[in-house]
N, C-alpha and C. Protein backbone atom coordinates (compact mmCIF):
# COMPACT_ATOMS: atom_id res chain seq x y z
N MET A 1 0.85 -1.19 0.00
CA MET A 1 0.00 0.00 0.00
C MET A 1 0.89 1.24 0.00
N GLN A 2 0.65 2.13 -0.97
CA GLN A 2 1.34 3.40 -1.03
C GLN A 2 0.34 4.47 -1.44
N VAL A 3 0.70 5.72 -1.20
CA VAL A 3 -0.19 6.83 -1.52
C VAL A 3 0.43 7.63 -2.65
N PHE A 4 -0.28 7.76 -3.76
CA PHE A 4 0.12 8.59 -4.88
C PHE A 4 -1.01 9.55 -5.20
N ASN A 5 -0.68 10.85 -5.29
CA ASN A 5 -1.68 11.87 -5.59
C ASN A 5 -2.88 11.77 -4.65
N ASP A 6 -2.58 11.56 -3.37
CA ASP A 6 -3.60 11.48 -2.31
C ASP A 6 -4.51 10.27 -2.43
N ARG A 7 -4.13 9.29 -3.26
CA ARG A 7 -4.94 8.08 -3.41
C ARG A 7 -4.10 6.85 -3.06
N GLU A 8 -4.69 5.96 -2.26
CA GLU A 8 -3.99 4.74 -1.90
C GLU A 8 -3.98 3.78 -3.08
N ARG A 9 -2.82 3.12 -3.26
CA ARG A 9 -2.69 2.15 -4.34
C ARG A 9 -2.00 0.90 -3.82
N HIS A 10 -2.34 -0.24 -4.41
CA HIS A 10 -1.64 -1.48 -4.14
C HIS A 10 -0.51 -1.59 -5.15
N THR A 11 0.74 -1.67 -4.68
CA THR A 11 1.87 -1.69 -5.60
C THR A 11 2.81 -2.84 -5.28
N ILE A 12 3.50 -3.33 -6.33
CA ILE A 12 4.52 -4.34 -6.19
C ILE A 12 5.48 -4.19 -7.36
N THR A 13 6.75 -4.40 -7.15
CA THR A 13 7.69 -4.32 -8.27
C THR A 13 7.57 -5.58 -9.12
N SER A 14 7.75 -5.41 -10.42
CA SER A 14 7.59 -6.54 -11.33
C SER A 14 8.66 -7.60 -11.14
N ALA A 15 9.76 -7.27 -10.45
CA ALA A 15 10.82 -8.26 -10.22
C ALA A 15 10.27 -9.47 -9.47
N TYR A 16 9.32 -9.27 -8.57
CA TYR A 16 8.73 -10.39 -7.82
C TYR A 16 7.89 -11.28 -8.74
N THR A 17 7.05 -10.67 -9.55
CA THR A 17 6.19 -11.48 -10.41
C THR A 17 7.03 -12.22 -11.45
N HIS A 18 8.07 -11.57 -11.97
CA HIS A 18 8.95 -12.26 -12.91
C HIS A 18 9.65 -13.44 -12.23
N ALA A 19 10.08 -13.25 -10.99
CA ALA A 19 10.78 -14.31 -10.28
C ALA A 19 9.88 -15.53 -10.06
N VAL A 20 8.62 -15.28 -9.71
CA VAL A 20 7.68 -16.39 -9.51
C VAL A 20 7.39 -17.08 -10.83
N THR A 21 7.16 -16.29 -11.88
CA THR A 21 6.87 -16.86 -13.20
C THR A 21 8.05 -17.70 -13.70
N ASN A 22 9.26 -17.16 -13.58
CA ASN A 22 10.45 -17.87 -14.04
C ASN A 22 10.70 -19.14 -13.25
N ALA A 23 10.18 -19.21 -12.04
CA ALA A 23 10.32 -20.41 -11.21
C ALA A 23 9.25 -21.45 -11.52
N GLY A 24 8.30 -21.11 -12.39
CA GLY A 24 7.26 -22.05 -12.75
C GLY A 24 5.93 -21.83 -12.06
N GLY A 25 5.80 -20.73 -11.32
CA GLY A 25 4.55 -20.44 -10.63
C GLY A 25 3.71 -19.42 -11.38
N ILE A 26 2.50 -19.22 -10.92
CA ILE A 26 1.60 -18.20 -11.47
C ILE A 26 1.39 -17.15 -10.38
N PRO A 27 1.96 -15.96 -10.55
CA PRO A 27 1.84 -14.94 -9.49
C PRO A 27 0.44 -14.35 -9.41
N ILE A 28 -0.04 -14.22 -8.18
CA ILE A 28 -1.32 -13.57 -7.90
C ILE A 28 -1.04 -12.49 -6.86
N ILE A 29 -1.35 -11.25 -7.18
CA ILE A 29 -1.11 -10.14 -6.25
C ILE A 29 -2.34 -9.98 -5.37
N LEU A 30 -2.16 -10.12 -4.07
CA LEU A 30 -3.27 -10.09 -3.13
C LEU A 30 -3.39 -8.71 -2.48
N PRO A 31 -4.56 -8.10 -2.52
CA PRO A 31 -4.75 -6.84 -1.80
C PRO A 31 -4.80 -7.10 -0.30
N PRO A 32 -4.31 -6.17 0.51
CA PRO A 32 -4.26 -6.38 1.95
C PRO A 32 -5.61 -6.16 2.63
N VAL A 33 -6.53 -7.06 2.34
CA VAL A 33 -7.87 -6.99 2.92
C VAL A 33 -8.00 -8.18 3.87
N ALA A 34 -7.93 -7.92 5.15
CA ALA A 34 -7.87 -9.01 6.14
C ALA A 34 -9.13 -9.87 6.12
N SER A 35 -10.26 -9.29 5.78
CA SER A 35 -11.50 -10.07 5.76
C SER A 35 -11.51 -11.12 4.64
N ASP A 36 -10.58 -11.01 3.69
CA ASP A 36 -10.52 -11.96 2.58
C ASP A 36 -9.47 -13.05 2.78
N ILE A 37 -8.83 -13.10 3.93
CA ILE A 37 -7.73 -14.02 4.13
C ILE A 37 -8.15 -15.48 3.93
N GLU A 38 -9.31 -15.85 4.43
CA GLU A 38 -9.76 -17.24 4.25
C GLU A 38 -9.84 -17.60 2.77
N ALA A 39 -10.35 -16.68 1.96
CA ALA A 39 -10.43 -16.91 0.53
C ALA A 39 -9.05 -16.96 -0.10
N HIS A 40 -8.14 -16.13 0.37
CA HIS A 40 -6.78 -16.13 -0.15
C HIS A 40 -6.07 -17.44 0.17
N LEU A 41 -6.30 -17.98 1.36
CA LEU A 41 -5.70 -19.26 1.73
C LEU A 41 -6.19 -20.38 0.82
N ALA A 42 -7.46 -20.31 0.44
CA ALA A 42 -8.02 -21.33 -0.44
C ALA A 42 -7.54 -21.16 -1.88
N LEU A 43 -7.22 -19.93 -2.26
CA LEU A 43 -6.85 -19.62 -3.64
C LEU A 43 -5.40 -19.95 -3.96
N CYS A 44 -4.50 -19.74 -2.99
CA CYS A 44 -3.06 -19.77 -3.26
C CYS A 44 -2.39 -21.01 -2.68
N ASP A 45 -1.43 -21.55 -3.42
CA ASP A 45 -0.66 -22.70 -2.96
C ASP A 45 0.54 -22.30 -2.11
N ALA A 46 1.06 -21.10 -2.33
CA ALA A 46 2.24 -20.61 -1.61
C ALA A 46 2.14 -19.10 -1.50
N PHE A 47 2.98 -18.52 -0.65
CA PHE A 47 2.90 -17.09 -0.39
C PHE A 47 4.30 -16.47 -0.36
N VAL A 48 4.42 -15.28 -0.98
CA VAL A 48 5.63 -14.48 -0.90
C VAL A 48 5.27 -13.18 -0.21
N LEU A 49 5.92 -12.89 0.90
CA LEU A 49 5.74 -11.62 1.59
C LEU A 49 6.88 -10.71 1.15
N THR A 50 6.55 -9.67 0.41
CA THR A 50 7.57 -8.84 -0.24
C THR A 50 8.19 -7.84 0.73
N GLY A 51 9.22 -7.16 0.23
CA GLY A 51 9.83 -6.08 1.00
C GLY A 51 8.90 -4.88 1.08
N GLY A 52 9.26 -3.94 1.93
CA GLY A 52 8.44 -2.75 2.11
C GLY A 52 9.02 -1.85 3.18
N ASP A 53 8.18 -0.99 3.73
CA ASP A 53 8.63 -0.08 4.78
C ASP A 53 8.77 -0.81 6.11
N ASP A 54 8.94 -0.06 7.19
CA ASP A 54 9.31 -0.64 8.48
C ASP A 54 8.08 -1.00 9.32
N PRO A 55 8.14 -2.13 10.04
CA PRO A 55 7.02 -2.50 10.91
C PRO A 55 6.78 -1.48 12.01
N VAL A 56 5.52 -1.32 12.34
CA VAL A 56 5.13 -0.54 13.52
C VAL A 56 5.12 -1.53 14.68
N THR A 57 5.89 -1.24 15.73
CA THR A 57 6.16 -2.26 16.75
C THR A 57 5.30 -2.14 18.01
N GLU A 58 4.45 -1.12 18.11
CA GLU A 58 3.58 -1.05 19.28
C GLU A 58 2.72 -2.30 19.46
N PRO A 59 2.19 -2.91 18.38
CA PRO A 59 1.42 -4.14 18.57
C PRO A 59 2.22 -5.29 19.16
N PHE A 60 3.55 -5.17 19.13
CA PHE A 60 4.42 -6.20 19.68
C PHE A 60 5.09 -5.75 20.99
N GLY A 61 4.53 -4.69 21.58
CA GLY A 61 4.95 -4.27 22.91
C GLY A 61 6.17 -3.39 22.97
N VAL A 62 6.59 -2.79 21.84
CA VAL A 62 7.80 -1.97 21.80
C VAL A 62 7.48 -0.68 21.04
N PRO A 63 7.93 0.48 21.54
CA PRO A 63 7.70 1.72 20.79
C PRO A 63 8.41 1.69 19.44
N THR A 64 7.79 2.28 18.44
CA THR A 64 8.41 2.37 17.11
C THR A 64 9.47 3.46 17.13
N HIS A 65 10.64 3.15 16.57
CA HIS A 65 11.75 4.11 16.53
C HIS A 65 11.33 5.34 15.73
N PRO A 66 11.69 6.54 16.17
CA PRO A 66 11.29 7.76 15.46
C PRO A 66 11.83 7.84 14.03
N ALA A 67 12.91 7.14 13.73
CA ALA A 67 13.47 7.17 12.38
C ALA A 67 12.81 6.17 11.44
N ALA A 68 11.92 5.33 11.96
CA ALA A 68 11.29 4.30 11.14
C ALA A 68 10.39 4.92 10.08
N VAL A 69 10.40 4.33 8.89
CA VAL A 69 9.45 4.68 7.84
C VAL A 69 8.31 3.68 7.94
N ARG A 70 7.22 4.08 8.56
CA ARG A 70 6.18 3.14 8.96
C ARG A 70 5.44 2.52 7.77
N VAL A 71 5.32 1.22 7.80
CA VAL A 71 4.55 0.52 6.77
C VAL A 71 3.08 0.90 6.92
N HIS A 72 2.35 0.85 5.81
CA HIS A 72 0.93 1.20 5.85
C HIS A 72 0.20 0.29 6.83
N GLU A 73 -0.69 0.88 7.61
CA GLU A 73 -1.41 0.15 8.65
C GLU A 73 -2.16 -1.06 8.08
N SER A 74 -2.80 -0.89 6.93
CA SER A 74 -3.58 -1.99 6.35
C SER A 74 -2.69 -3.16 5.97
N ARG A 75 -1.52 -2.85 5.43
CA ARG A 75 -0.62 -3.94 5.05
C ARG A 75 -0.12 -4.69 6.27
N GLN A 76 0.30 -3.99 7.31
CA GLN A 76 0.80 -4.69 8.49
C GLN A 76 -0.30 -5.53 9.13
N HIS A 77 -1.51 -4.98 9.21
CA HIS A 77 -2.61 -5.75 9.80
C HIS A 77 -2.89 -7.00 8.98
N TYR A 78 -2.90 -6.85 7.67
CA TYR A 78 -3.17 -8.00 6.80
C TYR A 78 -2.09 -9.08 6.95
N GLU A 79 -0.83 -8.69 6.89
CA GLU A 79 0.24 -9.69 6.95
C GLU A 79 0.33 -10.33 8.33
N THR A 80 0.00 -9.58 9.37
CA THR A 80 -0.05 -10.16 10.71
C THR A 80 -1.12 -11.25 10.77
N GLN A 81 -2.29 -10.94 10.27
CA GLN A 81 -3.38 -11.91 10.30
C GLN A 81 -3.13 -13.08 9.35
N LEU A 82 -2.52 -12.80 8.20
CA LEU A 82 -2.21 -13.86 7.24
C LEU A 82 -1.22 -14.85 7.83
N LEU A 83 -0.14 -14.35 8.44
CA LEU A 83 0.86 -15.25 9.02
C LEU A 83 0.27 -16.08 10.15
N ARG A 84 -0.59 -15.49 10.94
CA ARG A 84 -1.22 -16.24 12.04
C ARG A 84 -2.19 -17.29 11.49
N ALA A 85 -2.91 -16.93 10.42
CA ALA A 85 -3.83 -17.89 9.81
C ALA A 85 -3.07 -19.05 9.17
N LEU A 86 -1.96 -18.76 8.53
CA LEU A 86 -1.13 -19.81 7.95
C LEU A 86 -0.61 -20.75 9.04
N GLN A 87 -0.19 -20.17 10.15
CA GLN A 87 0.33 -20.98 11.26
C GLN A 87 -0.74 -21.90 11.81
N GLN A 88 -1.96 -21.41 11.89
CA GLN A 88 -3.03 -22.18 12.52
C GLN A 88 -3.69 -23.18 11.58
N SER A 89 -3.91 -22.79 10.31
CA SER A 89 -4.71 -23.65 9.43
C SER A 89 -3.99 -24.16 8.20
N ARG A 90 -2.85 -23.53 7.81
CA ARG A 90 -2.13 -23.98 6.63
C ARG A 90 -0.62 -24.04 6.89
N PRO A 91 -0.17 -24.72 7.95
CA PRO A 91 1.27 -24.74 8.24
C PRO A 91 2.07 -25.45 7.16
N ASP A 92 1.40 -26.19 6.28
CA ASP A 92 2.09 -26.88 5.19
C ASP A 92 2.32 -25.97 3.99
N ALA A 93 1.70 -24.80 3.95
CA ALA A 93 1.82 -23.91 2.80
C ALA A 93 3.21 -23.28 2.76
N PRO A 94 3.92 -23.36 1.64
CA PRO A 94 5.25 -22.74 1.53
C PRO A 94 5.15 -21.22 1.64
N VAL A 95 6.10 -20.63 2.37
CA VAL A 95 6.14 -19.18 2.58
C VAL A 95 7.56 -18.69 2.40
N LEU A 96 7.74 -17.64 1.60
CA LEU A 96 9.02 -16.95 1.45
C LEU A 96 8.82 -15.51 1.85
N GLY A 97 9.54 -15.06 2.88
CA GLY A 97 9.47 -13.68 3.33
C GLY A 97 10.72 -12.92 2.94
N VAL A 98 10.55 -11.73 2.35
CA VAL A 98 11.66 -10.93 1.85
C VAL A 98 11.74 -9.62 2.63
N CYS A 99 12.87 -9.36 3.26
CA CYS A 99 13.14 -8.10 3.95
C CYS A 99 12.04 -7.81 4.99
N LEU A 100 11.10 -6.92 4.70
CA LEU A 100 9.98 -6.69 5.62
C LEU A 100 9.24 -7.99 5.91
N GLY A 101 9.07 -8.83 4.89
CA GLY A 101 8.39 -10.11 5.09
C GLY A 101 9.08 -10.97 6.12
N MET A 102 10.41 -11.03 6.08
CA MET A 102 11.17 -11.77 7.08
C MET A 102 10.99 -11.16 8.46
N GLN A 103 10.99 -9.85 8.53
CA GLN A 103 10.83 -9.18 9.81
C GLN A 103 9.46 -9.47 10.42
N MET A 104 8.43 -9.47 9.60
CA MET A 104 7.09 -9.79 10.09
C MET A 104 7.02 -11.24 10.55
N MET A 105 7.63 -12.15 9.82
CA MET A 105 7.65 -13.56 10.23
C MET A 105 8.30 -13.71 11.60
N SER A 106 9.38 -12.98 11.83
CA SER A 106 10.09 -13.08 13.11
C SER A 106 9.30 -12.45 14.24
N LEU A 107 8.65 -11.31 13.98
CA LEU A 107 7.83 -10.68 15.01
C LEU A 107 6.67 -11.59 15.42
N ILE A 108 6.02 -12.21 14.43
CA ILE A 108 4.92 -13.12 14.73
C ILE A 108 5.42 -14.33 15.52
N ALA A 109 6.69 -14.69 15.31
CA ALA A 109 7.28 -15.83 16.03
C ALA A 109 7.79 -15.44 17.41
N GLY A 110 7.50 -14.20 17.85
CA GLY A 110 7.92 -13.76 19.18
C GLY A 110 9.27 -13.09 19.21
N GLY A 111 9.78 -12.70 18.04
CA GLY A 111 11.10 -12.09 17.96
C GLY A 111 11.07 -10.59 18.18
N ALA A 112 12.20 -9.95 17.86
CA ALA A 112 12.34 -8.52 18.08
C ALA A 112 13.22 -7.92 17.00
N LEU A 113 13.09 -6.58 16.83
CA LEU A 113 13.82 -5.85 15.80
C LEU A 113 14.91 -4.96 16.38
N ASN A 114 16.01 -4.84 15.66
CA ASN A 114 16.90 -3.69 15.78
C ASN A 114 16.31 -2.65 14.83
N GLN A 115 15.71 -1.61 15.37
CA GLN A 115 14.91 -0.71 14.55
C GLN A 115 15.70 0.37 13.81
N HIS A 116 16.97 0.52 14.10
CA HIS A 116 17.74 1.56 13.41
C HIS A 116 19.21 1.19 13.45
N LEU A 117 19.68 0.54 12.39
CA LEU A 117 21.06 0.06 12.35
C LEU A 117 22.11 1.16 12.53
N PRO A 118 21.87 2.40 12.05
CA PRO A 118 22.88 3.43 12.29
C PRO A 118 23.17 3.67 13.77
N ASP A 119 22.24 3.29 14.66
CA ASP A 119 22.47 3.45 16.09
C ASP A 119 23.45 2.42 16.64
N THR A 120 23.59 1.29 15.96
CA THR A 120 24.31 0.16 16.54
C THR A 120 25.45 -0.39 15.68
N HIS A 121 25.42 -0.14 14.37
CA HIS A 121 26.39 -0.75 13.47
C HIS A 121 27.07 0.31 12.60
N THR A 122 28.38 0.42 12.71
CA THR A 122 29.11 1.34 11.85
C THR A 122 29.08 0.88 10.39
N THR A 123 28.72 -0.38 10.19
CA THR A 123 28.66 -0.95 8.84
C THR A 123 27.25 -0.86 8.23
N HIS A 124 26.38 -0.04 8.81
CA HIS A 124 24.98 -0.01 8.36
C HIS A 124 24.85 0.33 6.88
N ALA A 125 25.75 1.14 6.34
CA ALA A 125 25.66 1.51 4.93
C ALA A 125 25.86 0.32 4.00
N ASP A 126 26.52 -0.74 4.49
CA ASP A 126 26.72 -1.93 3.67
C ASP A 126 25.40 -2.62 3.34
N HIS A 127 24.35 -2.29 4.09
CA HIS A 127 23.06 -2.95 3.92
C HIS A 127 22.03 -2.08 3.20
N TRP A 128 22.45 -0.90 2.76
CA TRP A 128 21.49 0.00 2.12
C TRP A 128 21.76 0.06 0.61
N ASP A 129 20.99 -0.75 -0.14
CA ASP A 129 21.09 -0.80 -1.59
C ASP A 129 22.49 -1.19 -2.05
N ARG A 130 23.04 -2.20 -1.37
CA ARG A 130 24.39 -2.68 -1.68
C ARG A 130 24.40 -4.20 -1.74
N ASP A 131 25.48 -4.72 -2.34
CA ASP A 131 25.76 -6.15 -2.30
C ASP A 131 26.70 -6.46 -1.15
N HIS A 132 26.48 -7.58 -0.49
CA HIS A 132 27.38 -8.03 0.56
C HIS A 132 27.27 -9.54 0.70
N ASP A 133 28.22 -10.14 1.38
CA ASP A 133 28.24 -11.59 1.55
C ASP A 133 27.37 -12.02 2.72
N ILE A 134 26.97 -13.29 2.71
CA ILE A 134 26.32 -13.88 3.87
C ILE A 134 27.11 -15.11 4.32
N ILE A 135 26.92 -15.46 5.57
CA ILE A 135 27.60 -16.60 6.17
C ILE A 135 26.54 -17.59 6.65
N PRO A 136 26.40 -18.74 5.99
CA PRO A 136 25.39 -19.72 6.43
C PRO A 136 25.72 -20.27 7.81
N THR A 137 24.69 -20.56 8.58
CA THR A 137 24.86 -21.22 9.87
C THR A 137 24.27 -22.62 9.85
N THR A 138 23.84 -23.07 8.65
CA THR A 138 23.27 -24.39 8.48
C THR A 138 23.58 -24.87 7.08
N PRO A 139 23.72 -26.16 6.85
CA PRO A 139 24.04 -26.67 5.52
C PRO A 139 22.95 -26.41 4.48
N ILE A 140 21.73 -26.10 4.90
CA ILE A 140 20.68 -25.88 3.91
C ILE A 140 20.82 -24.54 3.20
N MET A 141 21.68 -23.64 3.71
CA MET A 141 21.96 -22.37 3.06
C MET A 141 23.35 -22.42 2.44
N GLN A 142 23.54 -21.65 1.38
CA GLN A 142 24.84 -21.58 0.72
C GLN A 142 25.45 -20.20 0.90
N PRO A 143 26.78 -20.13 0.94
CA PRO A 143 27.42 -18.81 0.99
C PRO A 143 27.29 -18.11 -0.36
N GLY A 144 27.41 -16.81 -0.35
CA GLY A 144 27.34 -16.07 -1.60
C GLY A 144 27.12 -14.59 -1.34
N THR A 145 26.90 -13.86 -2.41
CA THR A 145 26.70 -12.41 -2.36
C THR A 145 25.25 -12.09 -2.64
N VAL A 146 24.67 -11.23 -1.82
CA VAL A 146 23.25 -10.88 -1.93
C VAL A 146 23.11 -9.36 -2.04
N HIS A 147 21.91 -8.94 -2.44
CA HIS A 147 21.61 -7.50 -2.52
C HIS A 147 20.62 -7.13 -1.41
N SER A 148 20.97 -6.14 -0.61
CA SER A 148 20.14 -5.72 0.53
C SER A 148 19.77 -4.25 0.43
N ARG A 149 18.65 -3.92 1.08
CA ARG A 149 18.23 -2.51 1.18
C ARG A 149 17.36 -2.36 2.42
N HIS A 150 18.00 -2.19 3.57
CA HIS A 150 17.25 -2.10 4.82
C HIS A 150 18.04 -1.33 5.87
N ARG A 151 17.31 -0.65 6.73
CA ARG A 151 17.93 0.06 7.86
C ARG A 151 17.50 -0.56 9.19
N GLN A 152 16.74 -1.65 9.13
CA GLN A 152 16.36 -2.40 10.31
C GLN A 152 16.78 -3.85 10.11
N ALA A 153 16.81 -4.60 11.20
CA ALA A 153 17.18 -6.02 11.10
C ALA A 153 16.59 -6.75 12.30
N ILE A 154 16.58 -8.07 12.19
CA ILE A 154 16.10 -8.89 13.30
C ILE A 154 17.19 -9.00 14.36
N SER A 155 16.85 -8.69 15.61
CA SER A 155 17.78 -8.89 16.71
C SER A 155 17.50 -10.19 17.45
N ASP A 156 16.26 -10.67 17.34
CA ASP A 156 15.84 -11.92 17.99
C ASP A 156 14.82 -12.58 17.07
N PRO A 157 15.09 -13.82 16.57
CA PRO A 157 14.16 -14.46 15.66
C PRO A 157 12.99 -15.16 16.33
N GLY A 158 12.90 -15.08 17.66
CA GLY A 158 11.83 -15.77 18.36
C GLY A 158 11.99 -17.27 18.23
N SER A 159 10.92 -17.95 17.83
CA SER A 159 10.95 -19.41 17.73
C SER A 159 11.57 -19.91 16.42
N LEU A 160 11.94 -19.00 15.53
CA LEU A 160 12.55 -19.39 14.26
C LEU A 160 14.04 -19.65 14.44
N ASP A 161 14.60 -20.46 13.55
CA ASP A 161 16.03 -20.74 13.55
C ASP A 161 16.76 -19.71 12.70
N VAL A 162 17.98 -19.34 13.14
CA VAL A 162 18.85 -18.48 12.33
C VAL A 162 19.57 -19.36 11.32
N LEU A 163 19.44 -19.02 10.03
CA LEU A 163 20.02 -19.83 8.96
C LEU A 163 21.26 -19.19 8.34
N ALA A 164 21.41 -17.87 8.50
CA ALA A 164 22.57 -17.18 7.94
C ALA A 164 22.72 -15.83 8.60
N THR A 165 23.96 -15.33 8.60
CA THR A 165 24.26 -14.00 9.12
C THR A 165 25.11 -13.26 8.09
N SER A 166 25.31 -11.98 8.33
CA SER A 166 26.24 -11.19 7.52
C SER A 166 27.57 -11.10 8.27
N PRO A 167 28.63 -10.68 7.61
CA PRO A 167 29.94 -10.59 8.29
C PRO A 167 29.93 -9.70 9.53
N ASP A 168 29.03 -8.71 9.59
CA ASP A 168 28.97 -7.85 10.77
C ASP A 168 27.98 -8.35 11.81
N GLY A 169 27.49 -9.59 11.64
CA GLY A 169 26.70 -10.23 12.68
C GLY A 169 25.21 -10.09 12.57
N LEU A 170 24.69 -9.40 11.56
CA LEU A 170 23.24 -9.27 11.43
C LEU A 170 22.63 -10.60 10.99
N ILE A 171 21.43 -10.88 11.49
CA ILE A 171 20.69 -12.07 11.07
C ILE A 171 20.18 -11.85 9.65
N GLU A 172 20.54 -12.75 8.74
CA GLU A 172 20.21 -12.59 7.33
C GLU A 172 19.14 -13.55 6.84
N ALA A 173 18.95 -14.68 7.53
CA ALA A 173 17.94 -15.64 7.11
C ALA A 173 17.43 -16.41 8.32
N VAL A 174 16.12 -16.68 8.30
CA VAL A 174 15.49 -17.44 9.38
C VAL A 174 14.55 -18.46 8.76
N GLY A 175 14.22 -19.49 9.53
CA GLY A 175 13.30 -20.50 9.02
C GLY A 175 12.72 -21.33 10.13
N ASP A 176 11.71 -22.11 9.78
CA ASP A 176 11.06 -23.02 10.72
C ASP A 176 11.22 -24.44 10.18
N PRO A 177 12.12 -25.24 10.76
CA PRO A 177 12.36 -26.59 10.24
C PRO A 177 11.18 -27.53 10.41
N ARG A 178 10.19 -27.12 11.20
CA ARG A 178 9.02 -27.97 11.42
C ARG A 178 8.00 -27.84 10.29
N ARG A 179 8.23 -26.88 9.40
CA ARG A 179 7.32 -26.66 8.28
C ARG A 179 8.04 -26.97 6.96
N PRO A 180 7.32 -27.43 5.94
CA PRO A 180 7.97 -27.88 4.70
C PRO A 180 8.85 -26.81 4.05
N PHE A 181 8.37 -25.57 3.99
CA PHE A 181 9.17 -24.47 3.44
C PHE A 181 8.68 -23.19 4.08
N TYR A 182 9.45 -22.68 5.02
CA TYR A 182 9.10 -21.46 5.72
C TYR A 182 10.40 -20.70 5.92
N LEU A 183 10.70 -19.80 4.98
CA LEU A 183 12.00 -19.15 4.90
C LEU A 183 11.84 -17.64 4.82
N GLY A 184 12.60 -16.94 5.64
CA GLY A 184 12.67 -15.49 5.57
C GLY A 184 14.09 -15.05 5.32
N VAL A 185 14.29 -14.12 4.38
CA VAL A 185 15.63 -13.61 4.08
C VAL A 185 15.62 -12.10 4.17
N GLN A 186 16.68 -11.53 4.74
CA GLN A 186 16.75 -10.08 4.89
C GLN A 186 17.12 -9.40 3.57
N TRP A 187 17.73 -10.16 2.67
CA TRP A 187 18.11 -9.58 1.38
C TRP A 187 16.95 -9.69 0.38
N HIS A 188 17.21 -9.20 -0.83
CA HIS A 188 16.20 -9.23 -1.89
C HIS A 188 16.60 -10.27 -2.93
N PRO A 189 16.04 -11.48 -2.87
CA PRO A 189 16.42 -12.51 -3.85
C PRO A 189 15.98 -12.16 -5.27
N GLU A 190 14.94 -11.34 -5.41
CA GLU A 190 14.49 -10.95 -6.75
C GLU A 190 15.46 -9.99 -7.41
N ARG A 191 16.43 -9.46 -6.63
CA ARG A 191 17.45 -8.56 -7.18
C ARG A 191 18.86 -9.06 -6.89
N THR A 192 18.98 -10.32 -6.52
CA THR A 192 20.28 -10.92 -6.21
C THR A 192 20.75 -11.75 -7.40
N GLN A 193 21.99 -11.50 -7.85
CA GLN A 193 22.51 -12.18 -9.03
C GLN A 193 22.99 -13.60 -8.73
N CYS A 194 23.39 -13.87 -7.49
CA CYS A 194 23.85 -15.20 -7.10
C CYS A 194 22.65 -16.14 -7.08
N ALA A 195 22.58 -17.04 -8.05
CA ALA A 195 21.37 -17.87 -8.24
C ALA A 195 20.97 -18.66 -7.00
N PRO A 196 21.89 -19.32 -6.27
CA PRO A 196 21.45 -20.09 -5.10
C PRO A 196 20.77 -19.24 -4.03
N LEU A 197 21.08 -17.94 -4.00
CA LEU A 197 20.49 -17.04 -3.01
C LEU A 197 19.50 -16.07 -3.63
N GLY A 198 19.25 -16.26 -4.92
CA GLY A 198 18.32 -15.40 -5.64
C GLY A 198 17.20 -16.20 -6.26
N SER A 199 17.30 -16.44 -7.56
CA SER A 199 16.22 -17.12 -8.29
C SER A 199 15.93 -18.52 -7.77
N ASP A 200 16.95 -19.19 -7.24
CA ASP A 200 16.74 -20.56 -6.75
C ASP A 200 15.79 -20.61 -5.55
N LEU A 201 15.71 -19.53 -4.77
CA LEU A 201 14.80 -19.53 -3.63
C LEU A 201 13.35 -19.58 -4.10
N PHE A 202 13.06 -18.89 -5.20
CA PHE A 202 11.71 -18.96 -5.76
C PHE A 202 11.45 -20.34 -6.37
N LYS A 203 12.48 -20.94 -6.96
CA LYS A 203 12.34 -22.29 -7.50
C LYS A 203 12.08 -23.30 -6.37
N GLN A 204 12.75 -23.11 -5.24
CA GLN A 204 12.52 -23.99 -4.09
C GLN A 204 11.11 -23.83 -3.56
N LEU A 205 10.61 -22.60 -3.56
CA LEU A 205 9.23 -22.33 -3.12
C LEU A 205 8.24 -23.11 -3.99
N ILE A 206 8.40 -23.00 -5.31
CA ILE A 206 7.49 -23.68 -6.22
C ILE A 206 7.68 -25.19 -6.15
N ALA A 207 8.92 -25.65 -6.00
CA ALA A 207 9.18 -27.08 -5.89
C ALA A 207 8.52 -27.66 -4.65
N SER A 208 8.47 -26.87 -3.58
CA SER A 208 7.81 -27.33 -2.37
C SER A 208 6.32 -27.49 -2.59
N VAL A 209 5.72 -26.62 -3.40
CA VAL A 209 4.31 -26.77 -3.75
C VAL A 209 4.11 -28.05 -4.54
N ASN A 210 4.94 -28.27 -5.55
CA ASN A 210 4.79 -29.44 -6.42
C ASN A 210 5.04 -30.74 -5.66
N ALA A 211 5.90 -30.69 -4.65
CA ALA A 211 6.20 -31.90 -3.87
C ALA A 211 5.00 -32.35 -3.05
N ARG A 212 4.08 -31.45 -2.77
CA ARG A 212 2.88 -31.79 -2.01
C ARG A 212 1.87 -32.52 -2.88
């Protein structure tokens, strides 16, 4: 959700739809209407939570940092309810969370955010529209170079496992091994040239659907 010329619009970059299509899926863009979540769960085989602005953290018991660029209220409410509905009624549905999507997955899992990296990391600029390496913490992830654009990061993944970090210690990937495919990445795989950390993640998402 964004506002252009005083009118709210549902927007998504075409890189996401191309990535899903190239992986063999059919992309469906869902409007953030929480009352339609049950229908969305019945319609879709898998879900991609895209990047966006910063979560509002009052619903999770923490004041929102004054430097945060707050995500639209409707989008946060929708994704909060969607993730909880998936957990309760469709835990087998594959989910890929990107940047904001990963952060929302972690917050729903009881985690917490570092809301302003410039306050804590002298290397914060390495994560703003730049390429950098990641360090896997599990064999299911591969090392490589990714593209990131964020000023916040996960400080606590809650019940999720940490799957990768960056050289400066930021959590770069999280997942739930109890679910067939439930992966959140802090980078943007739709803009990452390293295939195992870019296009292959969308292929794994679709492969998980087909395996069912």
